[in-house]
C-alpha atoms as a PDB file:
ATOM      1  CA  UNK A   1       0.251   0.126  -0.090  1.00  0.00           C
ATOM      2  CA  UNK A   2       2.640   2.823   0.225  1.00  0.00           C
ATOM      3  CA  UNK A   3       4.543   1.551  -2.247  1.00  0.00           C
ATOM      4  CA  UNK A   4       1.004   2.495  -4.224  1.00  0.00           C
ATOM      5  CA  UNK A   5       0.559   6.014  -2.556  1.00  0.00           C
ATOM      6  CA  UNK A   6       4.337   6.898  -2.981  1.00  0.00           C
ATOM      7  CA  UNK A   7       3.912   5.934  -6.945  1.00  0.00           C
ATOM      8  CA  UNK A   8       0.812   7.497  -6.942  1.00  0.00           C
ATOM      9  CA  UNK A   9       2.166  10.887  -5.081  1.00  0.00           C
ATOM     10  CA  UNK A  10       5.111  11.034  -7.620  1.00  0.00           C
ATOM     11  CA  UNK A  11       2.500  10.693 -10.500  1.00  0.00           C
ATOM     12  CA  UNK A  12       0.722  13.778  -9.177  1.00  0.00           C
ATOM     13  CA  UNK A  13       3.742  15.637  -8.563  1.00  0.00           C
ATOM     14  CA  UNK A  14       5.214  14.866 -12.170  1.00  0.00           C
ATOM     15  CA  UNK A  15       2.293  15.947 -13.600  1.00  0.00           C
ATOM     16  CA  UNK A  16       2.307  19.272 -12.124  1.00  0.00           C
ATOM     17  CA  UNK A  17       6.107  19.675 -13.007  1.00  0.00           C
ATOM     18  CA  UNK A  18       5.196  18.919 -16.662  1.00  0.00           C
ATOM     19  CA  UNK A  19       2.394  21.327 -16.583  1.00  0.00           C
ATOM     20  CA  UNK A  20       4.656  23.876 -15.686  1.00  0.00           C
ATOM     21  CA  UNK A  21       7.573  23.165 -18.004  1.00  0.00           C
ATOM     22  CA  UNK A  22       5.193  22.809 -20.486  1.00  0.00           C
ATOM     23  CA  UNK A  23       3.595  26.488 -20.105  1.00  0.00           C
ATOM     24  CA  UNK A  24       7.130  27.761 -19.420  1.00  0.00           C
ATOM     25  CA  UNK A  25       8.336  25.832 -23.023  1.00  0.00           C
ATOM     26  CA  UNK A  26       5.152  27.801 -24.578  1.00  0.00           C
ATOM     27  CA  UNK A  27       5.769  31.043 -23.471  1.00  0.00           C
ATOM     28  CA  UNK A  28       9.588  30.785 -25.078  1.00  0.00           C
ATOM     29  CA  UNK A  29       8.095  29.569 -28.159  1.00  0.00           C
ATOM     30  CA  UNK A  30       6.190  32.887 -28.210  1.00  0.00           C
ATOM     31  CA  UNK A  31       9.140  34.925 -27.102  1.00  0.00           C
ATOM     32  CA  UNK A  32      12.275  33.188 -28.170  1.00  0.00           C
ATOM     33  CA  UNK A  33      14.611  36.324 -26.298  1.00  0.00           C
ATOM     34  CA  UNK A  34      12.528  35.629 -23.208  1.00  0.00           C
ATOM     35  CA  UNK A  35      14.762  33.910 -19.950  1.00  0.00           C
ATOM     36  CA  UNK A  36      11.191  32.087 -18.917  1.00  0.00           C
ATOM     37  CA  UNK A  37      11.621  30.516 -15.941  1.00  0.00           C
ATOM     38  CA  UNK A  38       9.563  29.583 -12.657  1.00  0.00           C
ATOM     39  CA  UNK A  39       9.884  32.974 -11.593  1.00  0.00           C
ATOM     40  CA  UNK A  40       8.474  34.217 -15.004  1.00  0.00           C
ATOM     41  CA  UNK A  41       4.975  33.900 -13.068  1.00  0.00           C
ATOM     42  CA  UNK A  42       5.841  32.718  -9.504  1.00  0.00           C
ATOM     43  CA  UNK A  43       7.110  34.741  -6.646  1.00  0.00           C
ATOM     44  CA  UNK A  44       9.727  32.070  -5.897  1.00  0.00           C
ATOM     45  CA  UNK A  45      11.894  30.722  -8.883  1.00  0.00           C
ATOM     46  CA  UNK A  46      11.782  26.827  -7.162  1.00  0.00           C
ATOM     47  CA  UNK A  47       8.116  27.252  -5.923  1.00  0.00           C
ATOM     48  CA  UNK A  48       7.581  23.940  -3.931  1.00  0.00           C
ATOM     49  CA  UNK A  49       3.930  22.557  -4.180  1.00  0.00           C
ATOM     50  CA  UNK A  50       1.501  24.497  -1.897  1.00  0.00           C
ATOM     51  CA  UNK A  51       3.907  27.789  -1.960  1.00  0.00           C
ATOM     52  CA  UNK A  52       3.284  28.513  -5.509  1.00  0.00           C
ATOM     53  CA  UNK A  53       2.443  31.952  -5.144  1.00  0.00           C
ATOM     54  CA  UNK A  54       1.902  34.238  -8.129  1.00  0.00           C
ATOM     55  CA  UNK A  55       3.968  37.257  -9.179  1.00  0.00           C
ATOM     56  CA  UNK A  56       2.117  40.388 -11.229  1.00  0.00           C
ATOM     57  CA  UNK A  57       2.267  38.443 -14.090  1.00  0.00           C
ATOM     58  CA  UNK A  58       1.638  35.759 -12.943  1.00  0.00           C
ATOM     59  CA  UNK A  59      -1.521  36.935 -11.817  1.00  0.00           C
ATOM     60  CA  UNK A  60      -2.087  38.855 -14.700  1.00  0.00           C
ATOM     61  CA  UNK A  61      -1.775  35.894 -17.129  1.00  0.00           C
ATOM     62  CA  UNK A  62      -4.016  33.750 -15.213  1.00  0.00           C
ATOM     63  CA  UNK A  63      -7.090  36.496 -14.803  1.00  0.00           C
ATOM     64  CA  UNK A  64      -6.973  37.717 -18.660  1.00  0.00           C
ATOM     65  CA  UNK A  65      -4.929  35.145 -21.113  1.00  0.00           C
ATOM     66  CA  UNK A  66      -6.346  32.348 -20.486  1.00  0.00           C
ATOM     67  CA  UNK A  67      -8.434  31.336 -23.526  1.00  0.00           C
ATOM     68  CA  UNK A  68     -10.795  28.894 -22.189  1.00  0.00           C
ATOM     69  CA  UNK A  69     -10.721  28.664 -18.239  1.00  0.00           C
ATOM     70  CA  UNK A  70     -13.255  25.748 -18.253  1.00  0.00           C
ATOM     71  CA  UNK A  71     -10.812  23.731 -20.128  1.00  0.00           C
ATOM     72  CA  UNK A  72      -8.917  20.913 -18.672  1.00  0.00           C
ATOM     73  CA  UNK A  73      -5.407  21.960 -20.193  1.00  0.00           C
ATOM     74  CA  UNK A  74      -4.699  25.924 -19.801  1.00  0.00           C
ATOM     75  CA  UNK A  75      -4.051  27.579 -23.301  1.00  0.00           C
ATOM     76  CA  UNK A  76      -2.403  30.978 -22.451  1.00  0.00           C
ATOM     77  CA  UNK A  77      -2.737  34.180 -25.234  1.00  0.00           C
ATOM     78  CA  UNK A  78       0.230  36.117 -23.676  1.00  0.00           C
ATOM     79  CA  UNK A  79      -0.876  38.851 -26.523  1.00  0.00           C
ATOM     80  CA  UNK A  80      -3.620  39.413 -24.166  1.00  0.00           C
ATOM     81  CA  UNK A  81      -1.581  41.137 -21.849  1.00  0.00           C
ATOM     82  CA  UNK A  82       1.576  41.985 -23.817  1.00  0.00           C
ATOM     83  CA  UNK A  83       0.483  45.708 -23.595  1.00  0.00           C
ATOM     84  CA  UNK A  84       0.112  45.853 -19.757  1.00  0.00           C
ATOM     85  CA  UNK A  85       3.044  46.812 -17.217  1.00  0.00           C
ATOM     86  CA  UNK A  86       2.231  43.995 -14.720  1.00  0.00           C
ATOM     87  CA  UNK A  87       5.022  44.661 -12.606  1.00  0.00           C
ATOM     88  CA  UNK A  88       4.706  48.472 -12.995  1.00  0.00           C
ATOM     89  CA  UNK A  89       8.279  49.229 -13.626  1.00  0.00           C
ATOM     90  CA  UNK A  90       7.574  51.273 -16.917  1.00  0.00           C
ATOM     91  CA  UNK A  91       7.978  48.655 -19.316  1.00  0.00           C
ATOM     92  CA  UNK A  92       5.271  46.836 -21.183  1.00  0.00           C
ATOM     93  CA  UNK A  93       5.000  42.790 -20.678  1.00  0.00           C
ATOM     94  CA  UNK A  94       6.023  42.580 -24.228  1.00  0.00           C
ATOM     95  CA  UNK A  95       9.268  44.677 -24.056  1.00  0.00           C
ATOM     96  CA  UNK A  96      10.643  42.767 -20.804  1.00  0.00           C
ATOM     97  CA  UNK A  97       9.615  39.313 -22.570  1.00  0.00           C
ATOM     98  CA  UNK A  98      11.581  40.249 -25.819  1.00  0.00           C
ATOM     99  CA  UNK A  99      14.361  42.004 -23.590  1.00  0.00           C
ATOM    100  CA  UNK A 100      15.287  38.551 -21.581  1.00  0.00           C
ATOM    101  CA  UNK A 101      13.655  40.724 -18.154  1.00  0.00           C
ATOM    102  CA  UNK A 102      11.110  39.058 -16.042  1.00  0.00           C
ATOM    103  CA  UNK A 103       7.743  40.973 -16.427  1.00  0.00           C
ATOM    104  CA  UNK A 104       6.745  39.706 -12.983  1.00  0.00           C
ATOM    105  CA  UNK A 105       9.877  41.272 -11.028  1.00  0.00           C
ATOM    106  CA  UNK A 106       9.609  45.312 -11.112  1.00  0.00           C
ATOM    107  CA  UNK A 107      13.632  45.029 -10.316  1.00  0.00           C
ATOM    108  CA  UNK A 108      14.253  43.023 -13.495  1.00  0.00           C
ATOM    109  CA  UNK A 109      14.011  46.523 -16.741  1.00  0.00           C
END
């Protein structure tokens, strides 16, 4: 029984990690000069499950860029938030993504 529960936990964890990696790969495909990583959308660069607080860019992405919120697999249309300045540092999200800076961190310009 312990082996079964451990395997189930690993599957659940790996699905979460894969989904995050899929989103990072999608963001990089759309913005090749971006340096997307976990901190692009989250407060912590290596967020732990249950402690994955979103930064301002991540919050804008969830609130404004999800194509179909009811879909099981979330697809993002980042163009919907390109013109925003999520972190209020004077640069739009598009400017930051193309420059390789973090649109969710005001210290990254």
